[in-house]
């Protein structure tokens, strides 16, 4: 057999391995590019503070409506705006938390693989 045959076989095996392992490699690259920097943690803390403020505003709005301090029309408009803001906020929080969960999962998998290799 010739050198060209061996070269072709090795190249084909390499392409097959890259095809099979590419999703894992891509996740590893993304996990390394996304950091859990203090800025990201600060953003998460701000999201949670905003969540608390929105919930407090909804409670106050309900109380004001029950005490008839605001009209039914104003109540409905304000309530819809607050609920929409809360919905958008929860999407951001979910996105942040799922990103952190993915990163932590990948890091755990990588550390397990490294521990298995050292055994």
N, C-alpha and C. Protein backbone atom coordinates (compact mmCIF):
# COMPACT_ATOMS: atom_id res chain seq x y z
N UNK A 1 0.84 -1.17 0.00
CA UNK A 1 0.00 0.00 0.00
C UNK A 1 0.89 1.23 0.00
N UNK A 2 0.36 2.26 -0.57
CA UNK A 2 1.17 3.45 -0.77
C UNK A 2 0.97 4.46 0.35
N UNK A 3 1.81 5.45 0.34
CA UNK A 3 1.73 6.53 1.32
C UNK A 3 0.44 7.32 1.12
N UNK A 4 0.01 7.47 -0.10
CA UNK A 4 -1.23 8.21 -0.39
C UNK A 4 -2.43 7.51 0.26
N UNK A 5 -2.43 6.18 0.25
CA UNK A 5 -3.52 5.43 0.87
C UNK A 5 -3.55 5.66 2.38
N UNK A 6 -2.38 5.61 3.02
CA UNK A 6 -2.31 5.85 4.46
C UNK A 6 -2.70 7.28 4.81
N UNK A 7 -2.25 8.20 4.01
CA UNK A 7 -2.57 9.62 4.23
C UNK A 7 -4.08 9.84 4.10
N UNK A 8 -4.67 9.25 3.08
CA UNK A 8 -6.11 9.37 2.88
C UNK A 8 -6.88 8.75 4.05
N UNK A 9 -6.45 7.60 4.53
CA UNK A 9 -7.11 6.92 5.64
C UNK A 9 -7.03 7.74 6.92
N UNK A 10 -5.87 8.29 7.18
CA UNK A 10 -5.70 9.12 8.38
C UNK A 10 -6.55 10.38 8.28
N UNK A 11 -6.57 11.00 7.12
CA UNK A 11 -7.37 12.20 6.91
C UNK A 11 -8.85 11.90 7.06
N UNK A 12 -9.30 10.78 6.54
CA UNK A 12 -10.70 10.38 6.66
C UNK A 12 -11.06 10.11 8.12
N UNK A 13 -10.19 9.44 8.85
CA UNK A 13 -10.44 9.17 10.28
C UNK A 13 -10.50 10.47 11.06
N UNK A 14 -9.61 11.40 10.75
CA UNK A 14 -9.60 12.70 11.44
C UNK A 14 -10.92 13.45 11.18
N UNK A 15 -11.37 13.46 9.94
CA UNK A 15 -12.63 14.15 9.60
C UNK A 15 -13.81 13.50 10.32
N UNK A 16 -13.82 12.18 10.39
CA UNK A 16 -14.89 11.48 11.09
C UNK A 16 -14.90 11.82 12.58
N UNK A 17 -13.73 11.85 13.19
CA UNK A 17 -13.64 12.20 14.60
C UNK A 17 -14.09 13.65 14.84
N UNK A 18 -13.69 14.54 13.99
CA UNK A 18 -14.11 15.95 14.13
C UNK A 18 -15.62 16.06 13.99
N UNK A 19 -16.20 15.32 13.07
CA UNK A 19 -17.65 15.35 12.88
C UNK A 19 -18.37 14.85 14.13
N UNK A 20 -17.85 13.79 14.74
CA UNK A 20 -18.49 13.21 15.91
C UNK A 20 -18.30 14.06 17.16
N UNK A 21 -17.12 14.64 17.33
CA UNK A 21 -16.83 15.37 18.56
C UNK A 21 -17.02 16.87 18.46
N UNK A 22 -17.41 17.37 17.31
CA UNK A 22 -17.56 18.81 17.15
C UNK A 22 -18.56 19.45 18.14
N UNK A 23 -19.73 18.86 18.38
CA UNK A 23 -20.65 19.48 19.36
C UNK A 23 -20.01 19.63 20.74
N UNK A 24 -19.27 18.63 21.17
CA UNK A 24 -18.61 18.71 22.47
C UNK A 24 -17.52 19.79 22.47
N UNK A 25 -16.74 19.84 21.40
CA UNK A 25 -15.68 20.85 21.29
C UNK A 25 -16.29 22.25 21.27
N UNK A 26 -17.39 22.42 20.55
CA UNK A 26 -18.05 23.72 20.45
C UNK A 26 -18.58 24.17 21.82
N UNK A 27 -19.17 23.24 22.58
CA UNK A 27 -19.65 23.59 23.93
C UNK A 27 -18.49 23.99 24.83
N UNK A 28 -17.38 23.30 24.71
CA UNK A 28 -16.21 23.63 25.53
C UNK A 28 -15.70 25.03 25.18
N UNK A 29 -15.68 25.36 23.92
CA UNK A 29 -15.24 26.70 23.50
C UNK A 29 -16.18 27.75 24.03
N UNK A 30 -17.48 27.51 23.95
CA UNK A 30 -18.45 28.47 24.46
C UNK A 30 -18.34 28.63 25.97
N UNK A 31 -18.12 27.54 26.67
CA UNK A 31 -18.00 27.61 28.13
C UNK A 31 -16.78 28.42 28.52
N UNK A 32 -15.71 28.29 27.77
CA UNK A 32 -14.50 29.05 28.09
C UNK A 32 -14.66 30.52 27.73
N UNK A 33 -15.49 30.81 26.73
CA UNK A 33 -15.65 32.21 26.32
C UNK A 33 -16.60 32.97 27.24
N UNK A 34 -17.51 32.24 27.90
CA UNK A 34 -18.44 32.88 28.83
C UNK A 34 -17.85 32.79 30.22
N UNK A 35 -17.60 33.90 30.81
CA UNK A 35 -16.99 33.86 32.14
C UNK A 35 -18.00 34.23 33.20
N UNK A 36 -17.70 33.80 34.41
CA UNK A 36 -18.53 34.17 35.54
C UNK A 36 -17.85 35.33 36.25
N UNK A 37 -17.63 36.37 35.49
CA UNK A 37 -16.91 37.53 36.02
C UNK A 37 -17.78 38.29 37.00
N UNK A 38 -17.16 39.14 37.82
CA UNK A 38 -17.94 39.96 38.74
C UNK A 38 -18.99 40.82 38.04
N UNK A 39 -18.71 41.24 36.81
CA UNK A 39 -19.69 42.04 36.07
C UNK A 39 -20.95 41.22 35.80
N UNK A 40 -20.78 39.96 35.42
CA UNK A 40 -21.94 39.10 35.17
C UNK A 40 -22.70 38.84 36.46
N UNK A 41 -21.98 38.61 37.54
CA UNK A 41 -22.64 38.38 38.82
C UNK A 41 -23.35 39.64 39.30
N UNK A 42 -22.76 40.80 39.02
CA UNK A 42 -23.41 42.07 39.37
C UNK A 42 -24.69 42.24 38.58
N UNK A 43 -24.65 41.90 37.30
CA UNK A 43 -25.86 41.98 36.46
C UNK A 43 -26.95 41.06 37.01
N UNK A 44 -26.56 39.85 37.42
CA UNK A 44 -27.53 38.90 37.98
C UNK A 44 -28.14 39.45 39.27
N UNK A 45 -27.32 40.04 40.11
CA UNK A 45 -27.82 40.63 41.36
C UNK A 45 -28.80 41.76 41.07
N UNK A 46 -28.49 42.56 40.05
CA UNK A 46 -29.39 43.64 39.67
C UNK A 46 -30.72 43.10 39.15
N UNK A 47 -30.67 42.00 38.41
CA UNK A 47 -31.91 41.38 37.92
C UNK A 47 -32.77 40.92 39.09
N UNK A 48 -32.14 40.33 40.10
CA UNK A 48 -32.89 39.86 41.26
C UNK A 48 -33.46 41.03 42.07
N UNK A 49 -32.73 42.13 42.14
CA UNK A 49 -33.24 43.32 42.83
C UNK A 49 -34.43 43.90 42.07
N UNK A 50 -34.34 43.91 40.76
CA UNK A 50 -35.45 44.40 39.94
C UNK A 50 -36.66 43.50 40.11
N UNK A 51 -36.44 42.20 40.21
CA UNK A 51 -37.53 41.26 40.44
C UNK A 51 -38.24 41.58 41.76
N UNK A 52 -37.48 41.81 42.80
CA UNK A 52 -38.07 42.15 44.10
C UNK A 52 -38.89 43.44 44.00
N UNK A 53 -38.34 44.44 43.30
CA UNK A 53 -39.05 45.71 43.16
C UNK A 53 -40.35 45.55 42.37
N UNK A 54 -40.32 44.74 41.32
CA UNK A 54 -41.54 44.51 40.53
C UNK A 54 -42.60 43.81 41.35
N UNK A 55 -42.20 42.83 42.12
CA UNK A 55 -43.18 42.13 42.97
C UNK A 55 -43.76 43.06 44.01
N UNK A 56 -42.94 43.90 44.57
CA UNK A 56 -43.43 44.89 45.55
C UNK A 56 -44.40 45.87 44.89
N UNK A 57 -44.07 46.30 43.67
CA UNK A 57 -44.97 47.22 42.94
C UNK A 57 -46.32 46.57 42.64
N UNK A 58 -46.29 45.29 42.27
CA UNK A 58 -47.55 44.57 42.02
C UNK A 58 -48.40 44.48 43.29
N UNK A 59 -47.75 44.20 44.42
CA UNK A 59 -48.48 44.13 45.69
C UNK A 59 -49.09 45.49 46.04
N UNK A 60 -48.30 46.56 45.86
CA UNK A 60 -48.79 47.90 46.15
C UNK A 60 -49.95 48.27 45.24
N UNK A 61 -49.84 47.88 43.97
CA UNK A 61 -50.91 48.16 43.02
C UNK A 61 -52.20 47.45 43.43
N UNK A 62 -52.08 46.19 43.83
CA UNK A 62 -53.26 45.44 44.29
C UNK A 62 -53.89 46.11 45.50
N UNK A 63 -53.07 46.52 46.43
CA UNK A 63 -53.56 47.17 47.64
C UNK A 63 -54.26 48.49 47.30
N UNK A 64 -53.62 49.29 46.43
CA UNK A 64 -54.23 50.56 46.03
C UNK A 64 -55.56 50.34 45.32
N UNK A 65 -55.64 49.30 44.53
CA UNK A 65 -56.90 49.02 43.82
C UNK A 65 -57.98 48.57 44.81
N UNK A 66 -57.61 47.73 45.78
CA UNK A 66 -58.58 47.27 46.77
C UNK A 66 -59.09 48.43 47.63
N UNK A 67 -58.21 49.39 47.88
CA UNK A 67 -58.59 50.55 48.69
C UNK A 67 -59.24 51.64 47.84
N UNK A 68 -59.42 51.34 46.54
CA UNK A 68 -60.05 52.24 45.57
C UNK A 68 -59.32 53.57 45.44
N UNK A 69 -58.00 53.53 45.52
CA UNK A 69 -57.19 54.72 45.30
C UNK A 69 -56.97 54.98 43.81
N UNK A 70 -57.10 53.92 43.00
CA UNK A 70 -56.97 54.07 41.55
C UNK A 70 -58.17 53.44 40.86
N UNK A 71 -58.45 53.92 39.68
CA UNK A 71 -59.62 53.41 38.94
C UNK A 71 -59.31 52.03 38.36
N UNK A 72 -60.39 51.35 37.94
CA UNK A 72 -60.23 50.03 37.35
C UNK A 72 -59.42 50.09 36.05
N UNK A 73 -59.64 51.12 35.26
CA UNK A 73 -58.92 51.26 33.99
C UNK A 73 -57.43 51.46 34.24
N UNK A 74 -57.10 52.37 35.16
CA UNK A 74 -55.69 52.61 35.49
C UNK A 74 -55.05 51.35 36.08
N UNK A 75 -55.81 50.67 36.90
CA UNK A 75 -55.31 49.44 37.51
C UNK A 75 -54.96 48.42 36.44
N UNK A 76 -55.86 48.22 35.47
CA UNK A 76 -55.62 47.24 34.41
C UNK A 76 -54.39 47.61 33.58
N UNK A 77 -54.28 48.91 33.24
CA UNK A 77 -53.14 49.35 32.43
C UNK A 77 -51.83 49.15 33.18
N UNK A 78 -51.77 49.59 34.42
CA UNK A 78 -50.55 49.46 35.20
C UNK A 78 -50.20 47.99 35.46
N UNK A 79 -51.23 47.21 35.73
CA UNK A 79 -51.00 45.79 35.99
C UNK A 79 -50.42 45.10 34.76
N UNK A 80 -50.97 45.39 33.59
CA UNK A 80 -50.46 44.80 32.35
C UNK A 80 -49.00 45.19 32.11
N UNK A 81 -48.68 46.47 32.34
CA UNK A 81 -47.31 46.93 32.15
C UNK A 81 -46.36 46.23 33.12
N UNK A 82 -46.76 46.11 34.38
CA UNK A 82 -45.91 45.45 35.36
C UNK A 82 -45.75 43.96 35.06
N UNK A 83 -46.83 43.32 34.62
CA UNK A 83 -46.74 41.90 34.28
C UNK A 83 -45.86 41.66 33.05
N UNK A 84 -45.93 42.57 32.08
CA UNK A 84 -45.06 42.45 30.90
C UNK A 84 -43.60 42.65 31.30
N UNK A 85 -43.35 43.64 32.14
CA UNK A 85 -41.98 43.87 32.62
C UNK A 85 -41.47 42.66 33.39
N UNK A 86 -42.34 42.07 34.21
CA UNK A 86 -41.95 40.88 34.98
C UNK A 86 -41.67 39.70 34.05
N UNK A 87 -42.47 39.54 33.02
CA UNK A 87 -42.26 38.47 32.06
C UNK A 87 -40.91 38.62 31.36
N UNK A 88 -40.61 39.83 30.91
CA UNK A 88 -39.31 40.09 30.27
C UNK A 88 -38.16 39.84 31.24
N UNK A 89 -38.34 40.24 32.46
CA UNK A 89 -37.30 40.06 33.48
C UNK A 89 -37.07 38.57 33.75
N UNK A 90 -38.15 37.81 33.87
CA UNK A 90 -38.00 36.38 34.13
C UNK A 90 -37.29 35.67 32.98
N UNK A 91 -37.51 36.12 31.76
CA UNK A 91 -36.80 35.55 30.61
C UNK A 91 -35.31 35.81 30.73
N UNK A 92 -34.94 37.03 31.14
CA UNK A 92 -33.52 37.35 31.31
C UNK A 92 -32.90 36.52 32.43
N UNK A 93 -33.62 36.38 33.53
CA UNK A 93 -33.11 35.59 34.66
C UNK A 93 -32.95 34.13 34.25
N UNK A 94 -33.95 33.58 33.56
CA UNK A 94 -33.85 32.19 33.09
C UNK A 94 -32.67 32.00 32.15
N UNK A 95 -32.49 32.96 31.25
CA UNK A 95 -31.38 32.89 30.31
C UNK A 95 -30.05 32.89 31.06
N UNK A 96 -29.92 33.76 32.03
CA UNK A 96 -28.69 33.84 32.81
C UNK A 96 -28.46 32.56 33.59
N UNK A 97 -29.51 32.06 34.25
CA UNK A 97 -29.37 30.85 35.07
C UNK A 97 -29.09 29.62 34.21
N UNK A 98 -29.74 29.52 33.05
CA UNK A 98 -29.49 28.35 32.21
C UNK A 98 -28.08 28.41 31.64
N UNK A 99 -27.58 29.61 31.35
CA UNK A 99 -26.19 29.74 30.89
C UNK A 99 -25.22 29.31 31.95
N UNK A 100 -25.47 29.70 33.18
CA UNK A 100 -24.59 29.30 34.29
C UNK A 100 -24.68 27.81 34.54
N UNK A 101 -25.88 27.25 34.42
CA UNK A 101 -26.05 25.81 34.61
C UNK A 101 -25.29 25.04 33.55
N UNK A 102 -25.36 25.50 32.30
CA UNK A 102 -24.64 24.85 31.22
C UNK A 102 -23.14 24.91 31.47
N UNK A 103 -22.65 26.07 31.87
CA UNK A 103 -21.22 26.23 32.12
C UNK A 103 -20.79 25.31 33.26
N UNK A 104 -21.56 25.29 34.34
CA UNK A 104 -21.21 24.45 35.47
C UNK A 104 -21.24 22.97 35.09
N UNK A 105 -22.21 22.57 34.28
CA UNK A 105 -22.31 21.19 33.84
C UNK A 105 -21.09 20.80 32.99
N UNK A 106 -20.72 21.67 32.09
CA UNK A 106 -19.55 21.40 31.23
C UNK A 106 -18.28 21.34 32.07
N UNK A 107 -18.14 22.28 33.01
CA UNK A 107 -16.96 22.28 33.86
C UNK A 107 -16.90 21.00 34.71
N UNK A 108 -18.03 20.55 35.21
CA UNK A 108 -18.06 19.29 35.98
C UNK A 108 -17.67 18.11 35.12
N UNK A 109 -18.19 18.07 33.89
CA UNK A 109 -17.85 16.98 32.98
C UNK A 109 -16.36 16.99 32.67
N UNK A 110 -15.81 18.17 32.43
CA UNK A 110 -14.39 18.27 32.11
C UNK A 110 -13.53 17.85 33.30
N UNK A 111 -13.92 18.26 34.50
CA UNK A 111 -13.14 17.87 35.67
C UNK A 111 -13.23 16.37 35.92
N UNK A 112 -14.40 15.77 35.66
CA UNK A 112 -14.54 14.32 35.80
C UNK A 112 -13.65 13.60 34.79
N UNK A 113 -13.63 14.11 33.55
CA UNK A 113 -12.79 13.49 32.51
C UNK A 113 -11.32 13.60 32.88
N UNK A 114 -10.91 14.74 33.42
CA UNK A 114 -9.51 14.92 33.82
C UNK A 114 -9.18 14.00 34.99
N UNK A 115 -10.12 13.84 35.92
CA UNK A 115 -9.89 12.94 37.06
C UNK A 115 -9.80 11.49 36.59
N UNK A 116 -10.64 11.11 35.62
CA UNK A 116 -10.60 9.76 35.10
C UNK A 116 -9.28 9.48 34.37
N UNK A 117 -8.75 10.48 33.69
CA UNK A 117 -7.49 10.31 32.97
C UNK A 117 -6.33 10.16 33.94
N UNK A 118 -6.41 10.80 35.08
CA UNK A 118 -5.29 10.74 36.03
C UNK A 118 -5.26 9.44 36.81
N UNK A 119 -6.36 8.70 36.78
CA UNK A 119 -6.43 7.43 37.54
C UNK A 119 -5.71 6.32 36.84
